[in-house]
Amino acid sequence: MSENSSPIKYFLSGGFGGVCTVLAGHPMDTVKVRLQTMPVPQSGEIAMYAGTYDCFKKTIQKEGFRGLYKGMSAPLTGVAPIFAISFFGFGLGKKLIKRDEDQVLSKVELFAAGAFSGIFTTSIMAPGERIKCLLQIQQGGNVPQKYTGMVDCARQLYAEGGMRSIYKGSVATILRDVPASGMYFMTYEWVKEVLVPQDASAKLKMMATIVAGGCAGIANWLVGMPADVLKSRLQTAPEGTYPNGMRDVFRQLMEREGPTALYKGVTPVMLRAFPANAACFVGFELAVNFLNWVAPNL
């Protein structure tokens, strides 16, 4: 990751990397959200989905492949500024921590800089996640659709409860993103440092970017998954279901399903994490190189 890229290059390159992430990873994200938010079966009932493959198969059977890309307009719309701000926040965090330009940051300092970036993105991430999750849990077939798309969903949420409704789950989002972002950027820098020698070829550097990006995605979700489950349930629940917010979601989940429910949907998350985040960092690095070539003084 370029240390001296300008904020404009970080914004553009981070945005392109984010678009690559969504295109590569959204189908498994849809499966994850549906597994996280499916109703708990009553005694004698069969669960809506038996697991990742069953959810994937039923979604395609009922809605076609387009069903796997439900809700993608929301993250695509916000992804450029989200990733741009995230990458910029990481770069800014490193600059704030460094005492001089030549200082090599420790792993703890890289984690802190990454966590700092997670604070930046919540203002855009929270409403985008809320809309995305509500669109993703809509079942296809002959079932009436409450929301016709991203704009209609935002309009209905605003009519129901104003900006407070649109930003529902913001605390859960920041509790997920701060530690997860720390692990994300720290893991990327660390793995790439281990894999790339000083005289590495361009091909080796690209392979290292793919591996480091994929590992960063896995590390991110290992840390962020519990808060993500709570966030998804809070953001998709009808108004008034959880009066005390995240605390009520957590208490009910513990009482009814136990601690393992905090990792519900972990299989599609991990199946998605490696390729989606490898695509993100490859897109970012390629965009930085391209901008350095066409606009070196930008």
C-alpha atoms as a PDB file:
ATOM      1  CA  MET A   1       0.000   0.000   0.000  1.00  0.00           C
ATOM      2  CA  SER A   2       1.508   3.290  -1.104  1.00  0.00           C
ATOM      3  CA  GLU A   3       2.631   5.422   1.840  1.00  0.00           C
ATOM      4  CA  ASN A   4       2.740   8.718  -0.044  1.00  0.00           C
ATOM      5  CA  SER A   5      -0.462   8.654  -2.094  1.00  0.00           C
ATOM      6  CA  SER A   6      -2.485  11.860  -1.989  1.00  0.00           C
ATOM      7  CA  PRO A   7      -5.964  11.921  -0.401  1.00  0.00           C
ATOM      8  CA  ILE A   8      -7.493  12.154  -3.894  1.00  0.00           C
ATOM      9  CA  LYS A   9      -5.663   8.988  -5.002  1.00  0.00           C
ATOM     10  CA  TYR A  10      -6.717   7.200  -1.814  1.00  0.00           C
ATOM     11  CA  PHE A  11     -10.327   8.233  -2.442  1.00  0.00           C
ATOM     12  CA  LEU A  12     -10.415   7.114  -6.060  1.00  0.00           C
ATOM     13  CA  SER A  13      -8.412   3.917  -5.515  1.00  0.00           C
ATOM     14  CA  GLY A  14     -10.297   2.952  -2.371  1.00  0.00           C
ATOM     15  CA  GLY A  15     -13.593   3.509  -4.172  1.00  0.00           C
ATOM     16  CA  PHE A  16     -12.544   1.279  -7.064  1.00  0.00           C
ATOM     17  CA  GLY A  17     -11.384  -1.393  -4.629  1.00  0.00           C
ATOM     18  CA  GLY A  18     -14.740  -1.210  -2.871  1.00  0.00           C
ATOM     19  CA  VAL A  19     -16.671  -1.705  -6.113  1.00  0.00           C
ATOM     20  CA  CYS A  20     -14.535  -4.809  -6.789  1.00  0.00           C
ATOM     21  CA  THR A  21     -15.402  -6.077  -3.288  1.00  0.00           C
ATOM     22  CA  VAL A  22     -19.158  -5.734  -3.763  1.00  0.00           C
ATOM     23  CA  LEU A  23     -19.222  -7.327  -7.207  1.00  0.00           C
ATOM     24  CA  ALA A  24     -17.165 -10.301  -6.001  1.00  0.00           C
ATOM     25  CA  GLY A  25     -18.792 -10.795  -2.607  1.00  0.00           C
ATOM     26  CA  HIS A  26     -22.448  -9.720  -2.632  1.00  0.00           C
ATOM     27  CA  PRO A  27     -24.048 -13.140  -3.353  1.00  0.00           C
ATOM     28  CA  MET A  28     -22.540 -14.671  -0.214  1.00  0.00           C
ATOM     29  CA  ASP A  29     -23.403 -11.528   1.743  1.00  0.00           C
ATOM     30  CA  THR A  30     -27.069 -12.070   0.827  1.00  0.00           C
ATOM     31  CA  VAL A  31     -26.872 -15.674   2.029  1.00  0.00           C
ATOM     32  CA  LYS A  32     -25.214 -14.496   5.262  1.00  0.00           C
ATOM     33  CA  VAL A  33     -27.948 -11.949   6.039  1.00  0.00           C
ATOM     34  CA  ARG A  34     -30.736 -14.423   5.296  1.00  0.00           C
ATOM     35  CA  LEU A  35     -29.201 -17.031   7.600  1.00  0.00           C
ATOM     36  CA  GLN A  36     -28.668 -14.428  10.340  1.00  0.00           C
ATOM     37  CA  THR A  37     -32.235 -13.121  10.230  1.00  0.00           C
ATOM     38  CA  MET A  38     -34.327 -16.233   9.499  1.00  0.00           C
ATOM     39  CA  PRO A  39     -37.007 -16.992  12.130  1.00  0.00           C
ATOM     40  CA  VAL A  40     -36.096 -19.420  14.907  1.00  0.00           C
ATOM     41  CA  PRO A  41     -38.110 -22.619  14.194  1.00  0.00           C
ATOM     42  CA  GLN A  42     -40.679 -23.584  16.788  1.00  0.00           C
ATOM     43  CA  SER A  43     -40.864 -27.109  18.197  1.00  0.00           C
ATOM     44  CA  GLY A  44     -41.541 -29.546  15.365  1.00  0.00           C
ATOM     45  CA  GLU A  45     -40.939 -26.970  12.639  1.00  0.00           C
ATOM     46  CA  ILE A  46     -38.242 -27.199   9.992  1.00  0.00           C
ATOM     47  CA  ALA A  47     -35.819 -24.293   9.722  1.00  0.00           C
ATOM     48  CA  MET A  48     -36.262 -22.036   6.695  1.00  0.00           C
ATOM     49  CA  TYR A  49     -32.695 -22.864   5.619  1.00  0.00           C
ATOM     50  CA  ALA A  50     -30.669 -25.925   6.598  1.00  0.00           C
ATOM     51  CA  GLY A  51     -27.398 -24.087   5.988  1.00  0.00           C
ATOM     52  CA  THR A  52     -25.352 -22.079   3.512  1.00  0.00           C
ATOM     53  CA  TYR A  53     -25.812 -24.333   0.492  1.00  0.00           C
ATOM     54  CA  ASP A  54     -29.541 -24.782   1.174  1.00  0.00           C
ATOM     55  CA  CYS A  55     -30.048 -21.014   1.377  1.00  0.00           C
ATOM     56  CA  PHE A  56     -28.006 -20.492  -1.786  1.00  0.00           C
ATOM     57  CA  LYS A  57     -29.982 -23.165  -3.653  1.00  0.00           C
ATOM     58  CA  LYS A  58     -33.434 -21.997  -2.493  1.00  0.00           C
ATOM     59  CA  THR A  59     -32.651 -18.387  -3.357  1.00  0.00           C
ATOM     60  CA  ILE A  60     -31.702 -19.353  -6.929  1.00  0.00           C
ATOM     61  CA  GLN A  61     -34.720 -21.680  -7.276  1.00  0.00           C
ATOM     62  CA  LYS A  62     -37.213 -19.029  -6.152  1.00  0.00           C
ATOM     63  CA  GLU A  63     -35.597 -15.845  -7.425  1.00  0.00           C
ATOM     64  CA  GLY A  64     -32.916 -16.804  -9.923  1.00  0.00           C
ATOM     65  CA  PHE A  65     -29.330 -15.567  -9.746  1.00  0.00           C
ATOM     66  CA  ARG A  66     -30.616 -11.992  -9.499  1.00  0.00           C
ATOM     67  CA  GLY A  67     -31.922 -12.872  -6.035  1.00  0.00           C
ATOM     68  CA  LEU A  68     -28.341 -13.233  -4.812  1.00  0.00           C
ATOM     69  CA  TYR A  69     -27.682  -9.621  -5.815  1.00  0.00           C
ATOM     70  CA  LYS A  70     -30.666  -8.167  -3.952  1.00  0.00           C
ATOM     71  CA  GLY A  71     -29.811  -4.998  -2.098  1.00  0.00           C
ATOM     72  CA  MET A  72     -26.590  -4.492  -4.065  1.00  0.00           C
ATOM     73  CA  SER A  73     -27.597  -0.976  -5.144  1.00  0.00           C
ATOM     74  CA  ALA A  74     -27.210   0.286  -1.560  1.00  0.00           C
ATOM     75  CA  PRO A  75     -23.612  -0.863  -0.986  1.00  0.00           C
ATOM     76  CA  LEU A  76     -22.622   0.052  -4.564  1.00  0.00           C
ATOM     77  CA  THR A  77     -23.969   3.574  -4.078  1.00  0.00           C
ATOM     78  CA  GLY A  78     -22.104   4.081  -0.827  1.00  0.00           C
ATOM     79  CA  VAL A  79     -19.097   1.876  -1.441  1.00  0.00           C
ATOM     80  CA  ALA A  80     -16.849   4.440  -3.141  1.00  0.00           C
ATOM     81  CA  PRO A  81     -16.988   6.975  -0.300  1.00  0.00           C
ATOM     82  CA  ILE A  82     -16.997   4.216   2.346  1.00  0.00           C
ATOM     83  CA  PHE A  83     -13.830   2.548   1.097  1.00  0.00           C
ATOM     84  CA  ALA A  84     -12.256   5.853   0.140  1.00  0.00           C
ATOM     85  CA  ILE A  85     -12.812   7.200   3.656  1.00  0.00           C
ATOM     86  CA  SER A  86     -11.718   3.889   5.167  1.00  0.00           C
ATOM     87  CA  PHE A  87      -8.428   3.791   3.248  1.00  0.00           C
ATOM     88  CA  PHE A  88      -7.902   7.501   3.783  1.00  0.00           C
ATOM     89  CA  GLY A  89      -8.622   7.074   7.513  1.00  0.00           C
ATOM     90  CA  PHE A  90      -6.017   4.323   7.738  1.00  0.00           C
ATOM     91  CA  GLY A  91      -3.438   6.490   5.988  1.00  0.00           C
ATOM     92  CA  LEU A  92      -4.275   9.429   8.250  1.00  0.00           C
ATOM     93  CA  GLY A  93      -4.127   7.213  11.320  1.00  0.00           C
ATOM     94  CA  LYS A  94      -0.627   6.073  10.362  1.00  0.00           C
ATOM     95  CA  LYS A  95       0.504   9.661   9.868  1.00  0.00           C
ATOM     96  CA  LEU A  96      -0.878  10.678  13.277  1.00  0.00           C
ATOM     97  CA  ILE A  97       0.934   7.804  14.991  1.00  0.00           C
ATOM     98  CA  LYS A  98       4.272   8.268  13.198  1.00  0.00           C
ATOM     99  CA  ARG A  99       6.808  10.511  14.918  1.00  0.00           C
ATOM    100  CA  ASP A 100       8.856  10.737  11.708  1.00  0.00           C
ATOM    101  CA  GLU A 101       8.392   9.622   8.090  1.00  0.00           C
ATOM    102  CA  ASP A 102      10.862   6.732   8.360  1.00  0.00           C
ATOM    103  CA  GLN A 103       9.274   5.135  11.425  1.00  0.00           C
ATOM    104  CA  VAL A 104       8.146   1.531  10.912  1.00  0.00           C
ATOM    105  CA  LEU A 105       4.871   0.989  12.741  1.00  0.00           C
ATOM    106  CA  SER A 106       4.447  -1.971  15.068  1.00  0.00           C
ATOM    107  CA  LYS A 107       1.527  -4.374  14.651  1.00  0.00           C
ATOM    108  CA  VAL A 108      -0.317  -2.710  17.563  1.00  0.00           C
ATOM    109  CA  GLU A 109       0.149   0.712  15.937  1.00  0.00           C
ATOM    110  CA  LEU A 110      -1.113  -0.619  12.590  1.00  0.00           C
ATOM    111  CA  PHE A 111      -4.161  -2.041  14.412  1.00  0.00           C
ATOM    112  CA  ALA A 112      -4.803   1.359  16.026  1.00  0.00           C
ATOM    113  CA  ALA A 113      -4.548   3.147  12.665  1.00  0.00           C
ATOM    114  CA  GLY A 114      -6.966   0.631  11.129  1.00  0.00           C
ATOM    115  CA  ALA A 115      -9.403   0.983  14.027  1.00  0.00           C
ATOM    116  CA  PHE A 116      -9.266   4.753  13.557  1.00  0.00           C
ATOM    117  CA  SER A 117     -10.463   4.275   9.974  1.00  0.00           C
ATOM    118  CA  GLY A 118     -13.523   2.341  11.211  1.00  0.00           C
ATOM    119  CA  ILE A 119     -14.826   5.436  13.013  1.00  0.00           C
ATOM    120  CA  PHE A 120     -14.801   7.424   9.762  1.00  0.00           C
ATOM    121  CA  THR A 121     -17.091   5.119   7.803  1.00  0.00           C
ATOM    122  CA  THR A 122     -20.054   4.660  10.181  1.00  0.00           C
ATOM    123  CA  SER A 123     -21.968   7.756   9.005  1.00  0.00           C
ATOM    124  CA  ILE A 124     -22.257   6.225   5.514  1.00  0.00           C
ATOM    125  CA  MET A 125     -22.064   2.537   6.415  1.00  0.00           C
ATOM    126  CA  ALA A 126     -24.932   2.395   8.931  1.00  0.00           C
ATOM    127  CA  PRO A 127     -27.807   3.576   6.670  1.00  0.00           C
ATOM    128  CA  GLY A 128     -26.416   1.629   3.714  1.00  0.00           C
ATOM    129  CA  GLU A 129     -26.276  -1.556   5.795  1.00  0.00           C
ATOM    130  CA  ARG A 130     -29.816  -0.975   7.105  1.00  0.00           C
ATOM    131  CA  ILE A 131     -31.262  -0.632   3.596  1.00  0.00           C
ATOM    132  CA  LYS A 132     -29.157  -3.499   2.209  1.00  0.00           C
ATOM    133  CA  CYS A 133     -30.269  -5.933   4.917  1.00  0.00           C
ATOM    134  CA  LEU A 134     -33.972  -5.046   4.555  1.00  0.00           C
ATOM    135  CA  LEU A 135     -33.800  -5.619   0.794  1.00  0.00           C
ATOM    136  CA  GLN A 136     -31.828  -8.854   1.192  1.00  0.00           C
ATOM    137  CA  ILE A 137     -34.325 -10.537   3.505  1.00  0.00           C
ATOM    138  CA  GLN A 138     -37.230  -9.985   1.103  1.00  0.00           C
ATOM    139  CA  GLN A 139     -38.229 -13.360  -0.288  1.00  0.00           C
ATOM    140  CA  GLY A 140     -38.952 -13.764  -3.980  1.00  0.00           C
ATOM    141  CA  GLY A 141     -41.621 -15.766  -5.762  1.00  0.00           C
ATOM    142  CA  ASN A 142     -45.245 -14.741  -5.175  1.00  0.00           C
ATOM    143  CA  VAL A 143     -44.529 -13.070  -1.829  1.00  0.00           C
ATOM    144  CA  PRO A 144     -45.437  -9.341  -1.918  1.00  0.00           C
ATOM    145  CA  GLN A 145     -42.371  -7.086  -1.771  1.00  0.00           C
ATOM    146  CA  LYS A 146     -42.542  -4.273   0.786  1.00  0.00           C
ATOM    147  CA  TYR A 147     -39.700  -2.358  -0.843  1.00  0.00           C
ATOM    148  CA  THR A 148     -39.250  -1.970  -4.599  1.00  0.00           C
ATOM    149  CA  GLY A 149     -35.635  -0.853  -4.298  1.00  0.00           C
ATOM    150  CA  MET A 150     -33.062   1.226  -2.438  1.00  0.00           C
ATOM    151  CA  VAL A 151     -34.766   4.620  -2.864  1.00  0.00           C
ATOM    152  CA  ASP A 152     -38.206   3.263  -1.950  1.00  0.00           C
ATOM    153  CA  CYS A 153     -36.761   1.571   1.145  1.00  0.00           C
ATOM    154  CA  ALA A 154     -35.062   4.801   2.282  1.00  0.00           C
ATOM    155  CA  ARG A 155     -38.264   6.770   1.651  1.00  0.00           C
ATOM    156  CA  GLN A 156     -40.407   4.346   3.682  1.00  0.00           C
ATOM    157  CA  LEU A 157     -37.908   4.251   6.549  1.00  0.00           C
ATOM    158  CA  TYR A 158     -37.830   8.048   6.686  1.00  0.00           C
ATOM    159  CA  ALA A 159     -41.648   8.190   6.661  1.00  0.00           C
ATOM    160  CA  GLU A 160     -41.793   5.659   9.516  1.00  0.00           C
ATOM    161  CA  GLY A 161     -39.232   7.233  11.834  1.00  0.00           C
ATOM    162  CA  GLY A 162     -37.178   9.939  10.160  1.00  0.00           C
ATOM    163  CA  MET A 163     -33.383   9.844  10.150  1.00  0.00           C
ATOM    164  CA  ARG A 164     -33.447   7.883  13.413  1.00  0.00           C
ATOM    165  CA  SER A 165     -35.008   4.948  11.548  1.00  0.00           C
ATOM    166  CA  ILE A 166     -32.533   5.192   8.650  1.00  0.00           C
ATOM    167  CA  TYR A 167     -29.591   5.224  11.098  1.00  0.00           C
ATOM    168  CA  LYS A 168     -30.932   2.372  13.234  1.00  0.00           C
ATOM    169  CA  GLY A 169     -28.054   0.070  14.191  1.00  0.00           C
ATOM    170  CA  SER A 170     -25.337   2.747  14.081  1.00  0.00           C
ATOM    171  CA  VAL A 171     -23.900   1.755  17.473  1.00  0.00           C
ATOM    172  CA  ALA A 172     -23.783  -1.896  16.421  1.00  0.00           C
ATOM    173  CA  THR A 173     -22.112  -0.867  13.154  1.00  0.00           C
ATOM    174  CA  ILE A 174     -19.347   1.076  14.896  1.00  0.00           C
ATOM    175  CA  LEU A 175     -18.824  -1.729  17.460  1.00  0.00           C
ATOM    176  CA  ARG A 176     -18.314  -4.058  14.494  1.00  0.00           C
ATOM    177  CA  ASP A 177     -16.209  -1.802  12.292  1.00  0.00           C
ATOM    178  CA  VAL A 178     -13.685  -0.306  14.739  1.00  0.00           C
ATOM    179  CA  PRO A 179     -12.023  -3.569  15.902  1.00  0.00           C
ATOM    180  CA  ALA A 180     -12.670  -5.320  12.574  1.00  0.00           C
ATOM    181  CA  SER A 181     -11.006  -2.509  10.594  1.00  0.00           C
ATOM    182  CA  GLY A 182      -8.026  -2.666  12.932  1.00  0.00           C
ATOM    183  CA  MET A 183      -7.588  -6.370  12.197  1.00  0.00           C
ATOM    184  CA  TYR A 184      -8.255  -5.798   8.495  1.00  0.00           C
ATOM    185  CA  PHE A 185      -5.473  -3.329   7.785  1.00  0.00           C
ATOM    186  CA  MET A 186      -3.015  -4.790  10.276  1.00  0.00           C
ATOM    187  CA  THR A 187      -3.359  -8.266   8.753  1.00  0.00           C
ATOM    188  CA  TYR A 188      -2.945  -6.946   5.202  1.00  0.00           C
ATOM    189  CA  GLU A 189       0.249  -5.053   6.024  1.00  0.00           C
ATOM    190  CA  TRP A 190       1.664  -7.915   8.079  1.00  0.00           C
ATOM    191  CA  VAL A 191       0.982 -10.714   5.571  1.00  0.00           C
ATOM    192  CA  LYS A 192       2.281  -8.652   2.657  1.00  0.00           C
ATOM    193  CA  GLU A 193       5.411  -7.786   4.624  1.00  0.00           C
ATOM    194  CA  VAL A 194       6.040 -11.491   5.279  1.00  0.00           C
ATOM    195  CA  LEU A 195       5.431 -12.537   1.650  1.00  0.00           C
ATOM    196  CA  VAL A 196       7.217  -9.788  -0.298  1.00  0.00           C
ATOM    197  CA  PRO A 197      11.037  -9.613  -0.247  1.00  0.00           C
ATOM    198  CA  GLN A 198      12.841  -6.401  -1.189  1.00  0.00           C
ATOM    199  CA  ASP A 199      13.641  -7.562  -4.742  1.00  0.00           C
ATOM    200  CA  ALA A 200      10.235  -9.123  -5.464  1.00  0.00           C
ATOM    201  CA  SER A 201       8.947  -9.231  -9.041  1.00  0.00           C
ATOM    202  CA  ALA A 202       5.675  -7.549 -10.077  1.00  0.00           C
ATOM    203  CA  LYS A 203       4.023 -10.988 -10.405  1.00  0.00           C
ATOM    204  CA  LEU A 204       5.068 -11.970  -6.867  1.00  0.00           C
ATOM    205  CA  LYS A 205       3.834  -8.636  -5.514  1.00  0.00           C
ATOM    206  CA  MET A 206       0.448  -9.202  -7.151  1.00  0.00           C
ATOM    207  CA  MET A 207       0.177 -12.725  -5.692  1.00  0.00           C
ATOM    208  CA  ALA A 208       1.120 -11.342  -2.281  1.00  0.00           C
ATOM    209  CA  THR A 209      -1.593  -8.679  -2.622  1.00  0.00           C
ATOM    210  CA  ILE A 210      -4.187 -11.375  -3.381  1.00  0.00           C
ATOM    211  CA  VAL A 211      -3.159 -13.550  -0.419  1.00  0.00           C
ATOM    212  CA  ALA A 212      -2.768 -10.627   1.995  1.00  0.00           C
ATOM    213  CA  GLY A 213      -6.106  -9.123   0.941  1.00  0.00           C
ATOM    214  CA  GLY A 214      -7.887 -12.455   1.364  1.00  0.00           C
ATOM    215  CA  CYS A 215      -6.320 -13.029   4.796  1.00  0.00           C
ATOM    216  CA  ALA A 216      -7.278  -9.493   5.819  1.00  0.00           C
ATOM    217  CA  GLY A 217     -10.896 -10.218   4.933  1.00  0.00           C
ATOM    218  CA  ILE A 218     -10.957 -13.393   7.026  1.00  0.00           C
ATOM    219  CA  ALA A 219      -9.347 -11.630  10.017  1.00  0.00           C
ATOM    220  CA  ASN A 220     -11.834  -8.788   9.688  1.00  0.00           C
ATOM    221  CA  TRP A 221     -14.839 -11.100   9.952  1.00  0.00           C
ATOM    222  CA  LEU A 222     -13.455 -13.312  12.689  1.00  0.00           C
ATOM    223  CA  VAL A 223     -13.450 -10.192  14.871  1.00  0.00           C
ATOM    224  CA  GLY A 224     -16.533  -8.446  13.493  1.00  0.00           C
ATOM    225  CA  MET A 225     -18.973 -11.351  13.079  1.00  0.00           C
ATOM    226  CA  PRO A 226     -20.719 -11.271  16.505  1.00  0.00           C
ATOM    227  CA  ALA A 227     -21.511  -7.562  16.254  1.00  0.00           C
ATOM    228  CA  ASP A 228     -22.618  -8.096  12.638  1.00  0.00           C
ATOM    229  CA  VAL A 229     -25.191 -10.714  13.692  1.00  0.00           C
ATOM    230  CA  LEU A 230     -26.592  -8.341  16.323  1.00  0.00           C
ATOM    231  CA  LYS A 231     -26.591  -5.476  13.816  1.00  0.00           C
ATOM    232  CA  SER A 232     -28.435  -7.480  11.138  1.00  0.00           C
ATOM    233  CA  ARG A 233     -31.151  -8.555  13.567  1.00  0.00           C
ATOM    234  CA  LEU A 234     -31.593  -5.068  14.984  1.00  0.00           C
ATOM    235  CA  GLN A 235     -31.718  -3.416  11.566  1.00  0.00           C
ATOM    236  CA  THR A 236     -34.262  -5.845  10.091  1.00  0.00           C
ATOM    237  CA  ALA A 237     -36.581  -6.112  13.117  1.00  0.00           C
ATOM    238  CA  PRO A 238     -39.957  -4.269  13.075  1.00  0.00           C
ATOM    239  CA  GLU A 239     -40.026  -1.030  15.055  1.00  0.00           C
ATOM    240  CA  GLY A 240     -40.446  -1.607  18.784  1.00  0.00           C
ATOM    241  CA  THR A 241     -39.111  -5.173  18.752  1.00  0.00           C
ATOM    242  CA  TYR A 242     -35.982  -4.220  20.693  1.00  0.00           C
ATOM    243  CA  PRO A 243     -36.727  -1.119  22.855  1.00  0.00           C
ATOM    244  CA  ASN A 244     -33.213  -1.084  24.339  1.00  0.00           C
ATOM    245  CA  GLY A 245     -31.478  -1.714  21.045  1.00  0.00           C
ATOM    246  CA  MET A 246     -28.432  -3.958  20.869  1.00  0.00           C
ATOM    247  CA  ARG A 247     -28.689  -5.013  24.526  1.00  0.00           C
ATOM    248  CA  ASP A 248     -32.142  -6.511  23.931  1.00  0.00           C
ATOM    249  CA  VAL A 249     -30.959  -8.273  20.755  1.00  0.00           C
ATOM    250  CA  PHE A 250     -28.013  -9.790  22.632  1.00  0.00           C
ATOM    251  CA  ARG A 251     -30.104 -10.884  25.626  1.00  0.00           C
ATOM    252  CA  GLN A 252     -32.795 -12.504  23.467  1.00  0.00           C
ATOM    253  CA  LEU A 253     -30.211 -14.242  21.283  1.00  0.00           C
ATOM    254  CA  MET A 254     -28.424 -15.683  24.336  1.00  0.00           C
ATOM    255  CA  GLU A 255     -31.691 -16.887  25.891  1.00  0.00           C
ATOM    256  CA  ARG A 256     -33.106 -18.521  22.764  1.00  0.00           C
ATOM    257  CA  GLU A 257     -30.103 -19.702  20.767  1.00  0.00           C
ATOM    258  CA  GLY A 258     -26.943 -19.477  22.852  1.00  0.00           C
ATOM    259  CA  PRO A 259     -23.478 -18.073  22.081  1.00  0.00           C
ATOM    260  CA  THR A 260     -23.011 -20.049  18.844  1.00  0.00           C
ATOM    261  CA  ALA A 261     -25.707 -17.886  17.226  1.00  0.00           C
ATOM    262  CA  LEU A 262     -23.217 -14.990  17.281  1.00  0.00           C
ATOM    263  CA  TYR A 263     -21.468 -16.759  14.397  1.00  0.00           C
ATOM    264  CA  LYS A 264     -24.619 -17.563  12.409  1.00  0.00           C
ATOM    265  CA  GLY A 265     -23.880 -17.155   8.726  1.00  0.00           C
ATOM    266  CA  VAL A 266     -20.130 -17.565   9.283  1.00  0.00           C
ATOM    267  CA  THR A 267     -19.771 -20.092   6.429  1.00  0.00           C
ATOM    268  CA  PRO A 268     -20.923 -17.747   3.624  1.00  0.00           C
ATOM    269  CA  VAL A 269     -18.965 -14.923   5.258  1.00  0.00           C
ATOM    270  CA  MET A 270     -15.723 -16.889   5.109  1.00  0.00           C
ATOM    271  CA  LEU A 271     -16.465 -18.168   1.595  1.00  0.00           C
ATOM    272  CA  ARG A 272     -16.946 -14.536   0.582  1.00  0.00           C
ATOM    273  CA  ALA A 273     -14.181 -12.944   2.665  1.00  0.00           C
ATOM    274  CA  PHE A 274     -11.129 -14.204   0.798  1.00  0.00           C
ATOM    275  CA  PRO A 275     -12.097 -13.508  -2.841  1.00  0.00           C
ATOM    276  CA  ALA A 276     -14.001 -10.285  -2.085  1.00  0.00           C
ATOM    277  CA  ASN A 277     -11.197  -8.677  -0.108  1.00  0.00           C
ATOM    278  CA  ALA A 278      -8.487 -10.004  -2.394  1.00  0.00           C
ATOM    279  CA  ALA A 279     -10.439  -8.258  -5.175  1.00  0.00           C
ATOM    280  CA  CYS A 280     -10.589  -5.090  -3.043  1.00  0.00           C
ATOM    281  CA  PHE A 281      -6.858  -4.796  -2.467  1.00  0.00           C
ATOM    282  CA  VAL A 282      -5.971  -5.829  -6.024  1.00  0.00           C
ATOM    283  CA  GLY A 283      -8.364  -3.148  -7.277  1.00  0.00           C
ATOM    284  CA  PHE A 284      -6.887  -0.605  -4.873  1.00  0.00           C
ATOM    285  CA  GLU A 285      -3.266  -1.334  -5.776  1.00  0.00           C
ATOM    286  CA  LEU A 286      -4.022  -1.368  -9.529  1.00  0.00           C
ATOM    287  CA  ALA A 287      -5.883   1.933  -9.259  1.00  0.00           C
ATOM    288  CA  VAL A 288      -3.006   3.538  -7.322  1.00  0.00           C
ATOM    289  CA  ASN A 289      -0.490   2.339  -9.925  1.00  0.00           C
ATOM    290  CA  PHE A 290      -2.718   3.585 -12.758  1.00  0.00           C
ATOM    291  CA  LEU A 291      -3.158   7.022 -11.152  1.00  0.00           C
ATOM    292  CA  ASN A 292       0.579   7.256 -10.474  1.00  0.00           C
ATOM    293  CA  TRP A 293       1.119   6.621 -14.185  1.00  0.00           C
ATOM    294  CA  VAL A 294      -1.525   8.957 -15.660  1.00  0.00           C
ATOM    295  CA  ALA A 295      -1.413  11.686 -13.005  1.00  0.00           C
ATOM    296  CA  PRO A 296       1.839  11.497 -11.020  1.00  0.00           C
ATOM    297  CA  ASN A 297       1.304  14.979  -9.563  1.00  0.00           C
ATOM    298  CA  LEU A 298      -2.316  14.421  -8.498  1.00  0.00           C
END
